[in-house]
Protein backbone atom coordinates (compact mmCIF):
# COMPACT_ATOMS: atom_id res chain seq x y z
CA MET A 1 5.23 98.79 47.40
CA LYS A 2 6.35 101.41 44.88
CA SER A 3 8.84 98.84 43.62
CA MET A 4 6.05 96.40 43.19
CA TRP A 5 3.86 98.75 41.40
CA ASP A 6 6.96 100.28 39.17
CA SER A 7 7.47 96.28 38.40
CA VAL A 8 3.89 95.83 37.55
CA ARG A 9 3.67 98.71 35.21
CA ALA A 10 6.76 97.45 33.31
CA GLN A 11 4.98 94.15 32.83
CA LEU A 12 2.00 95.96 31.51
CA PHE A 13 4.34 98.08 29.19
CA TYR A 14 6.30 94.92 28.20
CA GLN A 15 2.75 93.29 27.22
CA TRP A 16 1.77 96.27 25.24
CA LYS A 17 5.08 96.21 23.38
CA ALA A 18 4.68 92.85 22.63
CA ARG A 19 1.12 93.61 21.13
CA TYR A 20 -0.59 91.31 23.02
CA ILE A 21 -2.94 94.08 24.76
CA ILE A 22 -3.45 95.19 21.06
CA LEU A 23 -4.55 91.63 19.98
CA LEU A 24 -6.66 91.30 22.67
CA PHE A 25 -8.55 94.21 21.98
CA VAL A 26 -8.97 93.37 18.45
CA PHE A 27 -10.51 89.95 19.65
CA LEU A 28 -12.88 91.44 22.20
CA VAL A 29 -14.12 94.06 19.20
CA ILE A 30 -14.69 90.95 16.94
CA LEU A 31 -16.41 89.26 20.02
CA SER A 32 -18.70 92.20 20.65
CA ILE A 33 -19.67 92.60 16.68
CA PHE A 34 -20.48 88.68 16.94
CA SER A 35 -22.56 88.99 19.83
CA SER A 36 -24.69 92.01 18.42
CA TYR A 37 -25.20 90.18 15.34
CA ALA A 38 -26.19 86.95 16.90
CA GLN A 39 -28.80 89.18 19.06
CA TYR A 40 -30.31 90.48 16.00
CA SER A 41 -30.33 86.96 14.39
CA SER A 42 -31.92 85.76 17.50
CA LEU A 43 -34.70 88.32 17.32
CA GLN A 44 -35.06 87.43 13.52
CA GLN A 45 -35.69 83.61 14.25
CA LYS A 46 -37.95 84.16 17.15
CA GLU A 47 -40.15 86.47 15.24
CA ASP A 48 -40.25 83.97 12.10
CA ARG A 49 -41.24 81.18 14.86
CA PHE A 50 -44.31 83.51 16.69
CA ASP A 51 -45.37 84.24 13.08
CA ALA A 52 -45.67 80.60 12.50
CA THR A 53 -47.08 79.71 15.64
CA MET A 54 -49.78 82.78 15.12
CA GLU A 55 -50.77 80.93 11.82
CA LEU A 56 -51.38 77.51 13.28
CA TYR A 57 -53.28 79.05 16.26
CA ALA A 58 -55.10 81.13 13.55
CA ASN A 59 -56.38 78.13 11.87
CA ASP A 60 -57.62 76.89 15.28
CA GLY A 61 -59.88 80.11 15.65
CA ILE A 62 -57.50 81.30 18.43
CA THR A 63 -56.30 85.02 18.58
CA LEU A 64 -53.27 86.49 20.22
CA LYS A 65 -55.45 88.09 22.69
CA GLN A 66 -57.12 84.84 23.55
CA ALA A 67 -53.89 83.21 23.90
CA LEU A 68 -52.46 85.92 26.10
CA ALA A 69 -55.55 85.51 28.55
CA GLU A 70 -54.81 81.87 28.98
CA ASP A 71 -51.92 80.66 31.44
CA LEU A 72 -48.64 79.47 30.57
CA ASP A 73 -47.38 76.58 32.41
CA ILE A 74 -43.54 75.58 31.60
CA LYS A 75 -42.38 72.03 32.85
CA LYS A 76 -38.70 71.32 32.59
CA ASP A 77 -37.17 67.67 32.48
CA GLY A 78 -33.44 68.23 32.35
CA ASN A 79 -32.68 70.44 29.50
CA SER A 80 -36.12 69.73 27.53
CA GLU A 81 -39.30 72.09 28.29
CA GLU A 82 -43.08 71.20 28.07
CA ILE A 83 -44.72 74.27 26.82
CA SER A 84 -48.63 74.44 27.65
CA ASN A 85 -49.13 77.88 25.56
CA VAL A 86 -46.90 77.98 22.58
CA LEU A 87 -48.32 81.27 21.34
CA LYS A 88 -47.98 83.30 24.67
CA TYR A 89 -44.48 81.56 25.05
CA ASP A 90 -43.20 82.72 21.58
CA TYR A 91 -44.56 86.22 22.11
CA TYR A 92 -42.96 86.79 25.43
CA ARG A 93 -39.54 85.54 23.45
CA VAL A 94 -39.96 88.28 20.74
CA ILE A 95 -40.35 91.06 23.43
CA ALA A 96 -37.44 89.68 25.38
CA ALA A 97 -35.38 89.88 22.19
CA LYS A 98 -36.51 93.27 21.51
CA VAL A 99 -35.14 94.26 25.24
CA ALA A 100 -31.88 92.44 24.47
CA LEU A 101 -31.23 94.59 21.66
CA ASN A 102 -31.40 97.62 23.80
CA PRO A 103 -27.38 98.91 24.23
CA LEU A 104 -27.54 99.16 27.84
CA ASN A 105 -28.41 95.44 27.90
CA ALA A 106 -25.55 94.61 25.77
CA PRO A 107 -23.19 93.57 28.78
CA ASN A 108 -25.64 91.24 30.18
CA GLN A 109 -26.24 89.62 26.79
CA ILE A 110 -22.70 89.06 25.72
CA PHE A 111 -21.82 87.81 29.32
CA THR A 112 -24.76 85.14 28.85
CA SER A 113 -24.05 84.11 25.73
CA ILE A 114 -20.86 83.77 23.61
CA ALA A 115 -18.70 85.48 26.27
CA ILE A 116 -19.55 82.58 28.68
CA LEU A 117 -17.64 80.16 26.42
CA PHE A 118 -14.91 82.29 24.56
CA LEU A 119 -14.08 85.00 26.95
CA PRO A 120 -12.30 82.48 29.28
CA LEU A 121 -10.62 80.98 26.15
CA ILE A 122 -9.47 83.99 24.82
CA PHE A 123 -8.04 85.42 28.16
CA GLY A 124 -6.58 82.02 29.02
CA ILE A 125 -4.35 82.11 25.82
CA TYR A 126 -3.31 85.81 26.67
CA SER A 127 -2.39 84.54 30.11
CA CYS A 128 -0.69 81.53 28.67
CA HIS A 129 1.55 83.92 26.38
CA VAL A 130 2.25 86.37 29.40
CA ALA A 131 3.63 83.77 31.51
CA PHE A 132 5.92 82.37 28.58
CA PHE A 133 6.87 86.13 27.27
CA ASP A 134 10.20 86.26 28.86
CA PHE A 135 11.45 82.87 28.27
CA LYS A 136 10.68 83.25 24.59
CA TYR A 137 12.55 86.18 24.10
CA GLY A 138 15.08 85.13 26.53
CA THR A 139 14.82 88.33 29.01
CA PHE A 140 14.09 86.18 32.05
CA LYS A 141 17.86 86.53 33.38
CA GLY A 142 17.66 90.10 33.04
CA GLN A 143 14.63 90.36 34.80
CA LEU A 144 15.58 88.07 37.58
CA LEU A 145 18.91 90.37 37.91
CA LEU A 146 16.78 93.42 37.97
CA ARG A 147 13.83 92.58 40.44
CA GLY A 148 14.64 89.22 41.89
CA HIS A 149 12.53 86.24 41.78
CA ARG A 150 9.95 87.29 44.17
CA LEU A 151 8.82 90.56 42.59
CA PHE A 152 9.52 89.01 38.87
CA PHE A 153 6.83 86.22 39.44
CA ILE A 154 4.45 88.47 41.50
CA SER A 155 4.33 91.45 39.54
CA LYS A 156 3.64 89.33 36.23
CA LEU A 157 0.67 87.38 38.40
CA LEU A 158 -0.48 91.24 39.32
CA SER A 159 -0.62 92.16 35.79
CA VAL A 160 -2.53 89.16 34.73
CA MET A 161 -5.12 90.06 37.31
CA ILE A 162 -5.34 93.81 36.12
CA MET A 163 -5.72 92.62 32.77
CA ALA A 164 -8.37 90.46 33.58
CA ALA A 165 -10.71 93.39 35.17
CA GLY A 166 -9.19 95.58 32.31
CA THR A 167 -10.90 92.78 30.02
CA VAL A 168 -14.29 92.61 31.60
CA PHE A 169 -14.61 96.31 31.68
CA LEU A 170 -13.24 96.90 28.35
CA THR A 171 -15.66 93.98 27.02
CA ALA A 172 -18.73 95.74 28.62
CA PHE A 173 -18.00 99.25 27.23
CA LEU A 174 -17.45 97.80 23.57
CA SER A 175 -20.86 95.96 23.70
CA ILE A 176 -22.52 98.82 24.49
CA GLY A 177 -20.88 100.88 21.80
CA THR A 178 -20.89 98.07 19.22
CA GLN A 179 -24.88 97.25 20.02
CA TYR A 180 -25.78 101.04 19.63
CA LEU A 181 -23.79 101.47 16.45
CA PHE A 182 -24.95 97.97 14.90
CA ASN A 183 -28.87 99.36 15.66
CA MET A 184 -28.24 102.31 14.03
CA VAL A 185 -26.74 100.59 10.69
CA MET A 186 -29.31 97.87 10.55
CA GLY A 187 -32.27 100.39 11.28
CA ILE A 188 -33.19 98.53 14.62
CA ARG A 189 -35.49 99.83 16.97
CA PRO A 190 -35.28 97.82 20.23
CA ASP A 191 -37.34 98.34 23.31
CA MET A 192 -35.51 100.95 25.39
CA ARG A 193 -37.98 101.05 28.41
CA VAL A 194 -36.20 97.89 30.09
CA ASN A 195 -32.53 97.71 31.12
CA TYR A 196 -30.62 95.66 33.34
CA LEU A 197 -28.02 98.56 34.64
CA GLY A 198 -28.94 97.84 38.31
CA GLU A 199 -27.25 94.39 37.96
CA LEU A 200 -24.22 95.43 36.30
CA PRO A 201 -21.77 95.91 39.09
CA LEU A 202 -22.74 92.34 40.41
CA GLN A 203 -22.37 91.17 36.99
CA VAL A 204 -19.01 92.90 36.37
CA VAL A 205 -17.60 91.57 39.65
CA TYR A 206 -18.50 88.08 39.04
CA GLN A 207 -17.05 88.19 35.38
CA VAL A 208 -13.71 89.82 36.90
CA VAL A 209 -13.49 86.98 39.42
CA VAL A 210 -13.75 84.26 36.74
CA LEU A 211 -11.31 85.70 34.51
CA ILE A 212 -8.70 86.17 37.39
CA LEU A 213 -9.38 82.44 38.14
CA PHE A 214 -8.63 81.41 34.60
CA GLY A 215 -5.89 83.62 33.91
CA ILE A 216 -3.97 82.65 37.19
CA PHE A 217 -4.64 79.08 36.65
CA PHE A 218 -3.21 78.96 32.95
CA PHE A 219 -0.31 81.60 34.00
CA LEU A 220 0.96 78.98 36.31
CA LEU A 221 0.46 76.11 34.43
CA THR A 222 2.51 77.63 31.60
CA SER A 223 5.00 78.78 34.20
CA ALA A 224 5.26 75.29 35.82
CA LEU A 225 5.17 73.36 32.10
CA ARG A 226 7.41 76.21 30.05
CA SER A 227 4.91 75.45 26.99
CA THR A 228 2.23 77.69 25.91
CA LEU A 229 1.16 74.91 23.33
CA ILE A 230 0.51 72.15 26.07
CA SER A 231 -1.52 75.13 28.20
CA ILE A 232 -3.53 76.04 25.51
CA VAL A 233 -4.60 72.43 24.59
CA VAL A 234 -5.39 72.20 28.10
CA LEU A 235 -7.62 74.99 28.00
CA PHE A 236 -9.51 74.08 24.78
CA VAL A 237 -10.04 70.44 25.90
CA TYR A 238 -11.35 71.71 29.22
CA MET A 239 -14.03 74.10 27.63
CA LEU A 240 -14.68 72.57 24.56
CA ILE A 241 -14.40 68.83 25.05
CA VAL A 242 -14.32 67.74 28.73
CA PRO A 243 -18.17 67.33 29.83
CA ASN A 244 -19.63 69.43 32.99
CA LEU A 245 -17.88 67.31 35.91
CA GLY A 246 -20.36 68.54 38.51
CA GLY A 247 -19.79 69.29 42.16
CA TYR A 248 -17.00 72.04 42.46
CA ASP A 249 -15.79 71.74 38.59
CA LEU A 250 -15.48 75.62 38.03
CA LYS A 251 -17.63 75.31 34.68
CA ASN A 252 -20.24 73.56 37.04
CA LEU A 253 -20.09 76.67 39.38
CA MET A 254 -20.51 79.02 36.30
CA LEU A 255 -23.66 77.14 35.16
CA LEU A 256 -25.21 77.69 38.40
CA THR A 257 -24.07 81.13 38.76
CA VAL A 258 -24.91 82.79 35.60
CA PRO A 259 -28.86 82.33 35.90
CA LYS A 260 -28.77 83.79 39.33
CA ILE A 261 -26.90 86.98 38.53
CA TYR A 262 -27.76 87.75 34.81
CA ASN A 263 -31.27 87.79 33.17
CA THR A 264 -30.75 84.96 30.47
CA SER A 265 -34.38 85.39 29.01
CA ALA A 266 -32.95 86.48 25.59
CA SER A 267 -29.24 84.53 25.53
CA THR A 268 -28.32 83.49 22.14
CA MET A 269 -26.34 80.44 23.57
CA ASP A 270 -28.12 77.39 24.94
CA VAL A 271 -26.09 76.10 27.91
CA VAL A 272 -26.67 72.92 29.78
CA SER A 273 -28.25 73.36 33.62
CA GLY A 274 -25.52 72.85 36.16
CA GLU A 275 -25.79 70.01 38.80
CA ASN A 276 -26.82 71.36 42.26
CA THR A 277 -23.97 71.87 44.60
CA ASN A 278 -23.10 74.55 47.19
CA LEU A 279 -21.78 77.63 45.39
CA MET A 280 -19.98 79.28 48.29
CA LEU A 281 -18.03 76.07 49.45
CA GLY A 282 -17.47 75.40 45.76
CA TYR A 283 -15.94 78.91 44.93
CA LEU A 284 -13.78 78.84 48.27
CA VAL A 285 -12.46 75.37 47.42
CA ALA A 286 -11.55 76.73 44.12
CA ALA A 287 -9.87 79.49 45.54
CA VAL A 288 -7.84 77.43 47.96
CA MET A 289 -6.77 74.98 45.51
CA LEU A 290 -5.56 78.09 43.42
CA GLY A 291 -3.79 79.32 46.28
CA LEU A 292 -1.92 76.06 46.69
CA PHE A 293 -1.25 75.54 43.01
CA THR A 294 0.20 79.07 43.00
CA PHE A 295 2.59 78.66 46.28
CA TYR A 296 4.00 75.32 44.55
CA VAL A 297 4.68 76.73 41.24
CA TYR A 298 6.11 79.90 42.96
CA LYS A 299 8.39 77.65 44.96
CA ARG A 300 9.12 75.05 41.85
CA ASP A 301 9.67 78.29 39.72
CA LYS A 302 12.23 79.83 42.32
CA LYS A 303 14.13 76.44 42.92
CA ARG A 304 14.65 76.17 38.94
CA LEU A 305 15.46 79.62 38.20
CA CYS A 306 17.63 80.52 41.30
CA PRO A 307 18.96 77.52 42.49
CA LYS A 308 21.37 77.75 45.69
CA LEU A 309 24.98 77.72 44.82
């Protein structure tokens, strides 16, 4: 066990020396800044829409107090909505946007907006480079002689999993700090009375699981293909071009899960609705398929790097 942990620490040290961790940190900072700006822009847009709606209602002789006293019915048809009381709807959207600017709600907001797309992309690319690192610099032979194939392969895989967890925790802390500084610089006074900290542990655990799934898959794909370029192209095509495949497609599972464990009332990114499926079975199938793929790549990698004489 000690030799395994020493090997994992060595892998993390190599990633640090190769500046992969530093670049990952820079991208996460950029992501947090962009998320804070997107939340601020979202509030401005919702306030402008509310003001315009207020003017229309005022022309019809309806006050905000009267509109708030009326019922609000929202009928959904696919990704479209039919709203019975637009002024009341816009009013509550402004309130939700002000709550979203509370720094303590920043993790909830970043994980339900730009991070749902960009975090898997960023960490998928990171995992591809980790998988190819020793082949890029020609150090894999030395690693195999020093540690053996099993220790070499598993320690790199574990380092990816550790970095997945670290990435999620770092994103959560960065989003809080960045939102606080953004509010201070822009003179924003958010609604501080409401926060979603009670749901944060479950949200963080879920994000860690998602990043581990993406990280392991693209680590394995790069290990099998010996090409970061092909793996990264596959990642971008899957995330940006391939539509939601429904069923047990990981993107579909994410689209179904996010509304269940996050508050999406002030999300800055509109996402399509997922197609109903059994979530527990879906994630179980994904885990089993990933386990089988791991076993296959491990055996194939061992045969290719350590052929029997």
